């Protein structure tokens, strides 16, 4: 974790599970599910700070890491 910052930096980890993504895939084909995931990524870019690392863990599981936050933000 040393690469993330010094001892005075705080980091926040946010876990998301997009409910019913498999239902979207089954009902409207995989392309619709891909569109949901793409839009989710666009929302992350649009509304969260630039020091965000976001990744997909599994089918509908995502993690967002906000780095170099002040301890007041944590």
PDB file of N, CA and C in Angstrom:
ATOM      1  N   UNK A   1       0.815  -1.193   0.000  1.00  0.00           N
ATOM      2  CA  UNK A   1       0.000   0.000   0.000  1.00  0.00           C
ATOM      3  C   UNK A   1       0.857   1.254   0.000  1.00  0.00           C
ATOM      4  N   UNK A   2       2.153   1.118   0.117  1.00  0.00           N
ATOM      5  CA  UNK A   2       3.028   2.274   0.142  1.00  0.00           C
ATOM      6  C   UNK A   2       2.915   3.125  -1.104  1.00  0.00           C
ATOM      7  N   UNK A   3       2.624   2.528  -2.238  1.00  0.00           N
ATOM      8  CA  UNK A   3       2.512   3.284  -3.480  1.00  0.00           C
ATOM      9  C   UNK A   3       1.286   4.185  -3.486  1.00  0.00           C
ATOM     10  N   UNK A   4       0.344   3.939  -2.610  1.00  0.00           N
ATOM     11  CA  UNK A   4      -0.879   4.729  -2.588  1.00  0.00           C
ATOM     12  C   UNK A   4      -0.710   6.070  -1.900  1.00  0.00           C
ATOM     13  N   UNK A   5       0.289   6.209  -1.065  1.00  0.00           N
ATOM     14  CA  UNK A   5       0.494   7.494  -0.413  1.00  0.00           C
ATOM     15  C   UNK A   5       1.124   7.333   0.945  1.00  0.00           C
ATOM     16  N   UNK A   6       1.333   8.459   1.589  1.00  0.00           N
ATOM     17  CA  UNK A   6       1.970   8.468   2.895  1.00  0.00           C
ATOM     18  C   UNK A   6       1.003   8.119   4.010  1.00  0.00           C
ATOM     19  N   UNK A   7       1.499   8.203   5.203  1.00  0.00           N
ATOM     20  CA  UNK A   7       0.713   7.810   6.367  1.00  0.00           C
ATOM     21  C   UNK A   7      -0.447   8.762   6.631  1.00  0.00           C
ATOM     22  N   UNK A   8      -0.372   9.988   6.154  1.00  0.00           N
ATOM     23  CA  UNK A   8      -1.443  10.949   6.405  1.00  0.00           C
ATOM     24  C   UNK A   8      -2.577  10.846   5.389  1.00  0.00           C
ATOM     25  N   UNK A   9      -2.380  10.049   4.345  1.00  0.00           N
ATOM     26  CA  UNK A   9      -3.420   9.869   3.341  1.00  0.00           C
ATOM     27  C   UNK A   9      -4.427   8.829   3.820  1.00  0.00           C
ATOM     28  N   UNK A  10      -5.674   9.060   3.499  1.00  0.00           N
ATOM     29  CA  UNK A  10      -6.719   8.074   3.756  1.00  0.00           C
ATOM     30  C   UNK A  10      -7.194   7.556   2.402  1.00  0.00           C
ATOM     31  N   UNK A  11      -7.644   6.341   2.386  1.00  0.00           N
ATOM     32  CA  UNK A  11      -8.173   5.735   1.168  1.00  0.00           C
ATOM     33  C   UNK A  11      -9.555   5.182   1.479  1.00  0.00           C
ATOM     34  N   UNK A  12     -10.426   5.243   0.499  1.00  0.00           N
ATOM     35  CA  UNK A  12     -11.778   4.729   0.680  1.00  0.00           C
ATOM     36  C   UNK A  12     -12.027   3.665  -0.371  1.00  0.00           C
ATOM     37  N   UNK A  13     -12.581   2.545   0.055  1.00  0.00           N
ATOM     38  CA  UNK A  13     -12.912   1.439  -0.835  1.00  0.00           C
ATOM     39  C   UNK A  13     -14.427   1.289  -0.853  1.00  0.00           C
ATOM     40  N   UNK A  14     -14.990   1.339  -2.050  1.00  0.00           N
ATOM     41  CA  UNK A  14     -16.441   1.245  -2.215  1.00  0.00           C
ATOM     42  C   UNK A  14     -16.736   0.011  -3.055  1.00  0.00           C
ATOM     43  N   UNK A  15     -17.608  -0.849  -2.561  1.00  0.00           N
ATOM     44  CA  UNK A  15     -17.997  -2.073  -3.264  1.00  0.00           C
ATOM     45  C   UNK A  15     -19.407  -1.891  -3.821  1.00  0.00           C
ATOM     46  N   UNK A  16     -19.581  -2.248  -5.096  1.00  0.00           N
ATOM     47  CA  UNK A  16     -20.888  -2.191  -5.743  1.00  0.00           C
ATOM     48  C   UNK A  16     -21.243  -3.556  -6.290  1.00  0.00           C
ATOM     49  N   UNK A  17     -22.488  -3.921  -6.122  1.00  0.00           N
ATOM     50  CA  UNK A  17     -23.050  -5.116  -6.746  1.00  0.00           C
ATOM     51  C   UNK A  17     -24.242  -4.629  -7.555  1.00  0.00           C
ATOM     52  N   UNK A  18     -24.142  -4.701  -8.871  1.00  0.00           N
ATOM     53  CA  UNK A  18     -25.249  -4.257  -9.719  1.00  0.00           C
ATOM     54  C   UNK A  18     -26.312  -5.349  -9.727  1.00  0.00           C
ATOM     55  N   UNK A  19     -27.374  -5.126  -8.977  1.00  0.00           N
ATOM     56  CA  UNK A  19     -28.445  -6.112  -8.871  1.00  0.00           C
ATOM     57  C   UNK A  19     -29.112  -6.339 -10.221  1.00  0.00           C
ATOM     58  N   UNK A  20     -29.451  -7.583 -10.462  1.00  0.00           N
ATOM     59  CA  UNK A  20     -30.236  -7.996 -11.629  1.00  0.00           C
ATOM     60  C   UNK A  20     -29.522  -7.819 -12.963  1.00  0.00           C
ATOM     61  N   UNK A  21     -28.198  -7.706 -12.959  1.00  0.00           N
ATOM     62  CA  UNK A  21     -27.483  -7.598 -14.230  1.00  0.00           C
ATOM     63  C   UNK A  21     -27.666  -8.870 -15.060  1.00  0.00           C
ATOM     64  N   UNK A  22     -27.667 -10.023 -14.408  1.00  0.00           N
ATOM     65  CA  UNK A  22     -27.880 -11.278 -15.134  1.00  0.00           C
ATOM     66  C   UNK A  22     -29.275 -11.313 -15.751  1.00  0.00           C
ATOM     67  N   UNK A  23     -30.255 -10.764 -15.051  1.00  0.00           N
ATOM     68  CA  UNK A  23     -31.612 -10.693 -15.591  1.00  0.00           C
ATOM     69  C   UNK A  23     -31.649  -9.816 -16.839  1.00  0.00           C
ATOM     70  N   UNK A  24     -30.925  -8.710 -16.822  1.00  0.00           N
ATOM     71  CA  UNK A  24     -30.831  -7.846 -18.008  1.00  0.00           C
ATOM     72  C   UNK A  24     -30.223  -8.628 -19.164  1.00  0.00           C
ATOM     73  N   UNK A  25     -29.133  -9.357 -18.902  1.00  0.00           N
ATOM     74  CA  UNK A  25     -28.495 -10.165 -19.945  1.00  0.00           C
ATOM     75  C   UNK A  25     -29.452 -11.221 -20.488  1.00  0.00           C
ATOM     76  N   UNK A  26     -30.161 -11.903 -19.601  1.00  0.00           N
ATOM     77  CA  UNK A  26     -31.063 -12.979 -20.016  1.00  0.00           C
ATOM     78  C   UNK A  26     -32.274 -12.456 -20.774  1.00  0.00           C
ATOM     79  N   UNK A  27     -32.761 -11.289 -20.393  1.00  0.00           N
ATOM     80  CA  UNK A  27     -33.976 -10.741 -20.995  1.00  0.00           C
ATOM     81  C   UNK A  27     -33.696  -9.967 -22.281  1.00  0.00           C
ATOM     82  N   UNK A  28     -32.631  -9.170 -22.276  1.00  0.00           N
ATOM     83  CA  UNK A  28     -32.391  -8.250 -23.387  1.00  0.00           C
ATOM     84  C   UNK A  28     -31.100  -8.530 -24.151  1.00  0.00           C
ATOM     85  N   UNK A  29     -30.492  -9.678 -23.895  1.00  0.00           N
ATOM     86  CA  UNK A  29     -29.223 -10.068 -24.521  1.00  0.00           C
ATOM     87  C   UNK A  29     -28.048  -9.403 -23.810  1.00  0.00           C
ATOM     88  N   UNK A  30     -26.902  -9.964 -24.030  1.00  0.00           N
ATOM     89  CA  UNK A  30     -25.680  -9.524 -23.341  1.00  0.00           C
ATOM     90  C   UNK A  30     -25.302  -8.076 -23.691  1.00  0.00           C
ATOM     91  N   UNK A  31     -25.627  -7.629 -24.885  1.00  0.00           N
ATOM     92  CA  UNK A  31     -25.313  -6.254 -25.300  1.00  0.00           C
ATOM     93  C   UNK A  31     -25.952  -5.244 -24.354  1.00  0.00           C
ATOM     94  N   UNK A  32     -27.169  -5.507 -23.919  1.00  0.00           N
ATOM     95  CA  UNK A  32     -27.838  -4.592 -22.990  1.00  0.00           C
ATOM     96  C   UNK A  32     -27.105  -4.556 -21.654  1.00  0.00           C
ATOM     97  N   UNK A  33     -26.660  -5.712 -21.175  1.00  0.00           N
ATOM     98  CA  UNK A  33     -25.874  -5.758 -19.942  1.00  0.00           C
ATOM     99  C   UNK A  33     -24.568  -5.003 -20.089  1.00  0.00           C
ATOM    100  N   UNK A  34     -23.931  -5.159 -21.251  1.00  0.00           N
ATOM    101  CA  UNK A  34     -22.697  -4.415 -21.519  1.00  0.00           C
ATOM    102  C   UNK A  34     -22.955  -2.911 -21.512  1.00  0.00           C
ATOM    103  N   UNK A  35     -24.103  -2.502 -22.043  1.00  0.00           N
ATOM    104  CA  UNK A  35     -24.463  -1.079 -22.041  1.00  0.00           C
ATOM    105  C   UNK A  35     -24.648  -0.556 -20.614  1.00  0.00           C
ATOM    106  N   UNK A  36     -25.235  -1.371 -19.742  1.00  0.00           N
ATOM    107  CA  UNK A  36     -25.399  -0.980 -18.334  1.00  0.00           C
ATOM    108  C   UNK A  36     -24.034  -0.776 -17.694  1.00  0.00           C
ATOM    109  N   UNK A  37     -23.114  -1.714 -17.933  1.00  0.00           N
ATOM    110  CA  UNK A  37     -21.770  -1.618 -17.367  1.00  0.00           C
ATOM    111  C   UNK A  37     -21.044  -0.387 -17.907  1.00  0.00           C
ATOM    112  N   UNK A  38     -21.174  -0.137 -19.198  1.00  0.00           N
ATOM    113  CA  UNK A  38     -20.547   1.034 -19.813  1.00  0.00           C
ATOM    114  C   UNK A  38     -21.091   2.319 -19.200  1.00  0.00           C
ATOM    115  N   UNK A  39     -22.394   2.391 -19.028  1.00  0.00           N
ATOM    116  CA  UNK A  39     -23.003   3.595 -18.433  1.00  0.00           C
ATOM    117  C   UNK A  39     -22.551   3.771 -16.989  1.00  0.00           C
ATOM    118  N   UNK A  40     -22.426   2.680 -16.254  1.00  0.00           N
ATOM    119  CA  UNK A  40     -21.934   2.744 -14.881  1.00  0.00           C
ATOM    120  C   UNK A  40     -20.532   3.354 -14.866  1.00  0.00           C
ATOM    121  N   UNK A  41     -19.683   2.935 -15.793  1.00  0.00           N
ATOM    122  CA  UNK A  41     -18.337   3.497 -15.900  1.00  0.00           C
ATOM    123  C   UNK A  41     -18.357   4.979 -16.231  1.00  0.00           C
ATOM    124  N   UNK A  42     -19.262   5.382 -17.108  1.00  0.00           N
ATOM    125  CA  UNK A  42     -19.388   6.799 -17.456  1.00  0.00           C
ATOM    126  C   UNK A  42     -19.812   7.632 -16.251  1.00  0.00           C
ATOM    127  N   UNK A  43     -20.715   7.097 -15.451  1.00  0.00           N
ATOM    128  CA  UNK A  43     -21.155   7.807 -14.246  1.00  0.00           C
ATOM    129  C   UNK A  43     -20.014   7.962 -13.250  1.00  0.00           C
ATOM    130  N   UNK A  44     -19.190   6.929 -13.124  1.00  0.00           N
ATOM    131  CA  UNK A  44     -18.025   7.014 -12.245  1.00  0.00           C
ATOM    132  C   UNK A  44     -17.112   8.142 -12.706  1.00  0.00           C
ATOM    133  N   UNK A  45     -16.810   8.176 -14.003  1.00  0.00           N
ATOM    134  CA  UNK A  45     -15.933   9.219 -14.541  1.00  0.00           C
ATOM    135  C   UNK A  45     -16.536  10.608 -14.367  1.00  0.00           C
ATOM    136  N   UNK A  46     -17.844  10.708 -14.536  1.00  0.00           N
ATOM    137  CA  UNK A  46     -18.512  12.008 -14.509  1.00  0.00           C
ATOM    138  C   UNK A  46     -18.643  12.586 -13.100  1.00  0.00           C
ATOM    139  N   UNK A  47     -18.934  11.748 -12.125  1.00  0.00           N
ATOM    140  CA  UNK A  47     -19.301  12.256 -10.804  1.00  0.00           C
ATOM    141  C   UNK A  47     -18.261  12.063  -9.712  1.00  0.00           C
ATOM    142  N   UNK A  48     -17.282  11.218  -9.926  1.00  0.00           N
ATOM    143  CA  UNK A  48     -16.292  10.984  -8.880  1.00  0.00           C
ATOM    144  C   UNK A  48     -14.995  11.712  -9.196  1.00  0.00           C
ATOM    145  N   UNK A  49     -14.193  11.992  -8.183  1.00  0.00           N
ATOM    146  CA  UNK A  49     -12.931  12.703  -8.390  1.00  0.00           C
ATOM    147  C   UNK A  49     -11.985  11.937  -9.315  1.00  0.00           C
ATOM    148  N   UNK A  50     -10.989  12.637  -9.820  1.00  0.00           N
ATOM    149  CA  UNK A  50     -10.039  12.042 -10.759  1.00  0.00           C
ATOM    150  C   UNK A  50      -9.114  11.018 -10.109  1.00  0.00           C
ATOM    151  N   UNK A  51      -8.986  11.044  -8.791  1.00  0.00           N
ATOM    152  CA  UNK A  51      -8.090  10.105  -8.119  1.00  0.00           C
ATOM    153  C   UNK A  51      -8.808   8.798  -7.776  1.00  0.00           C
ATOM    154  N   UNK A  52      -9.654   8.343  -8.683  1.00  0.00           N
ATOM    155  CA  UNK A  52     -10.448   7.137  -8.484  1.00  0.00           C
ATOM    156  C   UNK A  52      -9.883   6.001  -9.329  1.00  0.00           C
ATOM    157  N   UNK A  53      -9.801   4.832  -8.718  1.00  0.00           N
ATOM    158  CA  UNK A  53      -9.459   3.610  -9.440  1.00  0.00           C
ATOM    159  C   UNK A  53     -10.689   2.718  -9.361  1.00  0.00           C
ATOM    160  N   UNK A  54     -11.245   2.356 -10.500  1.00  0.00           N
ATOM    161  CA  UNK A  54     -12.434   1.507 -10.527  1.00  0.00           C
ATOM    162  C   UNK A  54     -12.126   0.248 -11.314  1.00  0.00           C
ATOM    163  N   UNK A  55     -12.651  -0.873 -10.840  1.00  0.00           N
ATOM    164  CA  UNK A  55     -12.427  -2.128 -11.543  1.00  0.00           C
ATOM    165  C   UNK A  55     -13.613  -3.062 -11.348  1.00  0.00           C
ATOM    166  N   UNK A  56     -13.771  -3.942 -12.294  1.00  0.00           N
ATOM    167  CA  UNK A  56     -14.811  -4.966 -12.227  1.00  0.00           C
ATOM    168  C   UNK A  56     -14.188  -6.214 -11.617  1.00  0.00           C
ATOM    169  N   UNK A  57     -14.817  -6.747 -10.589  1.00  0.00           N
ATOM    170  CA  UNK A  57     -14.307  -7.944  -9.924  1.00  0.00           C
ATOM    171  C   UNK A  57     -14.870  -9.222 -10.526  1.00  0.00           C
ATOM    172  N   UNK A  58     -16.145  -9.202 -10.847  1.00  0.00           N
ATOM    173  CA  UNK A  58     -16.831 -10.383 -11.369  1.00  0.00           C
ATOM    174  C   UNK A  58     -18.001  -9.900 -12.211  1.00  0.00           C
ATOM    175  N   UNK A  59     -18.914 -10.806 -12.514  1.00  0.00           N
ATOM    176  CA  UNK A  59     -20.054 -10.485 -13.378  1.00  0.00           C
ATOM    177  C   UNK A  59     -20.674  -9.120 -13.072  1.00  0.00           C
ATOM    178  N   UNK A  60     -21.110  -8.930 -11.834  1.00  0.00           N
ATOM    179  CA  UNK A  60     -21.801  -7.688 -11.480  1.00  0.00           C
ATOM    180  C   UNK A  60     -21.227  -7.045 -10.223  1.00  0.00           C
ATOM    181  N   UNK A  61     -19.988  -7.363  -9.915  1.00  0.00           N
ATOM    182  CA  UNK A  61     -19.313  -6.834  -8.727  1.00  0.00           C
ATOM    183  C   UNK A  61     -18.207  -5.871  -9.145  1.00  0.00           C
ATOM    184  N   UNK A  62     -18.214  -4.704  -8.532  1.00  0.00           N
ATOM    185  CA  UNK A  62     -17.260  -3.657  -8.865  1.00  0.00           C
ATOM    186  C   UNK A  62     -16.681  -3.062  -7.592  1.00  0.00           C
ATOM    187  N   UNK A  63     -15.461  -2.560  -7.684  1.00  0.00           N
ATOM    188  CA  UNK A  63     -14.812  -1.884  -6.569  1.00  0.00           C
ATOM    189  C   UNK A  63     -14.297  -0.541  -7.064  1.00  0.00           C
ATOM    190  N   UNK A  64     -14.491   0.475  -6.239  1.00  0.00           N
ATOM    191  CA  UNK A  64     -13.956   1.803  -6.510  1.00  0.00           C
ATOM    192  C   UNK A  64     -13.029   2.158  -5.358  1.00  0.00           C
ATOM    193  N   UNK A  65     -11.815   2.551  -5.684  1.00  0.00           N
ATOM    194  CA  UNK A  65     -10.838   2.965  -4.687  1.00  0.00           C
ATOM    195  C   UNK A  65     -10.566   4.447  -4.875  1.00  0.00           C
ATOM    196  N   UNK A  66     -10.869   5.226  -3.850  1.00  0.00           N
ATOM    197  CA  UNK A  66     -10.556   6.654  -3.850  1.00  0.00           C
ATOM    198  C   UNK A  66      -9.266   6.810  -3.070  1.00  0.00           C
ATOM    199  N   UNK A  67      -8.241   7.293  -3.735  1.00  0.00           N
ATOM    200  CA  UNK A  67      -6.923   7.390  -3.117  1.00  0.00           C
ATOM    201  C   UNK A  67      -6.613   8.824  -2.727  1.00  0.00           C
ATOM    202  N   UNK A  68      -5.650   8.943  -1.842  1.00  0.00           N
ATOM    203  CA  UNK A  68      -5.124  10.253  -1.436  1.00  0.00           C
ATOM    204  C   UNK A  68      -6.221  11.191  -0.948  1.00  0.00           C
ATOM    205  N   UNK A  69      -7.092  10.656  -0.125  1.00  0.00           N
ATOM    206  CA  UNK A  69      -8.140  11.457   0.501  1.00  0.00           C
ATOM    207  C   UNK A  69      -7.590  12.012   1.804  1.00  0.00           C
ATOM    208  N   UNK A  70      -8.057  13.161   2.198  1.00  0.00           N
ATOM    209  CA  UNK A  70      -7.653  13.665   3.511  1.00  0.00           C
ATOM    210  C   UNK A  70      -8.363  12.840   4.576  1.00  0.00           C
ATOM    211  N   UNK A  71      -7.809  12.803   5.743  1.00  0.00           N
ATOM    212  CA  UNK A  71      -8.439  12.028   6.812  1.00  0.00           C
ATOM    213  C   UNK A  71      -9.796  12.612   7.193  1.00  0.00           C
ATOM    214  N   UNK A  72     -10.036  13.874   6.891  1.00  0.00           N
ATOM    215  CA  UNK A  72     -11.346  14.478   7.152  1.00  0.00           C
ATOM    216  C   UNK A  72     -12.417  13.922   6.222  1.00  0.00           C
ATOM    217  N   UNK A  73     -12.010  13.478   5.004  1.00  0.00           N
ATOM    218  CA  UNK A  73     -12.953  12.943   4.028  1.00  0.00           C
ATOM    219  C   UNK A  73     -13.338  11.505   4.323  1.00  0.00           C
ATOM    220  N   UNK A  74     -12.519  10.795   5.070  1.00  0.00           N
ATOM    221  CA  UNK A  74     -12.714   9.353   5.278  1.00  0.00           C
ATOM    222  C   UNK A  74     -13.975   9.045   6.048  1.00  0.00           C
TER     223      UNK A  74
END
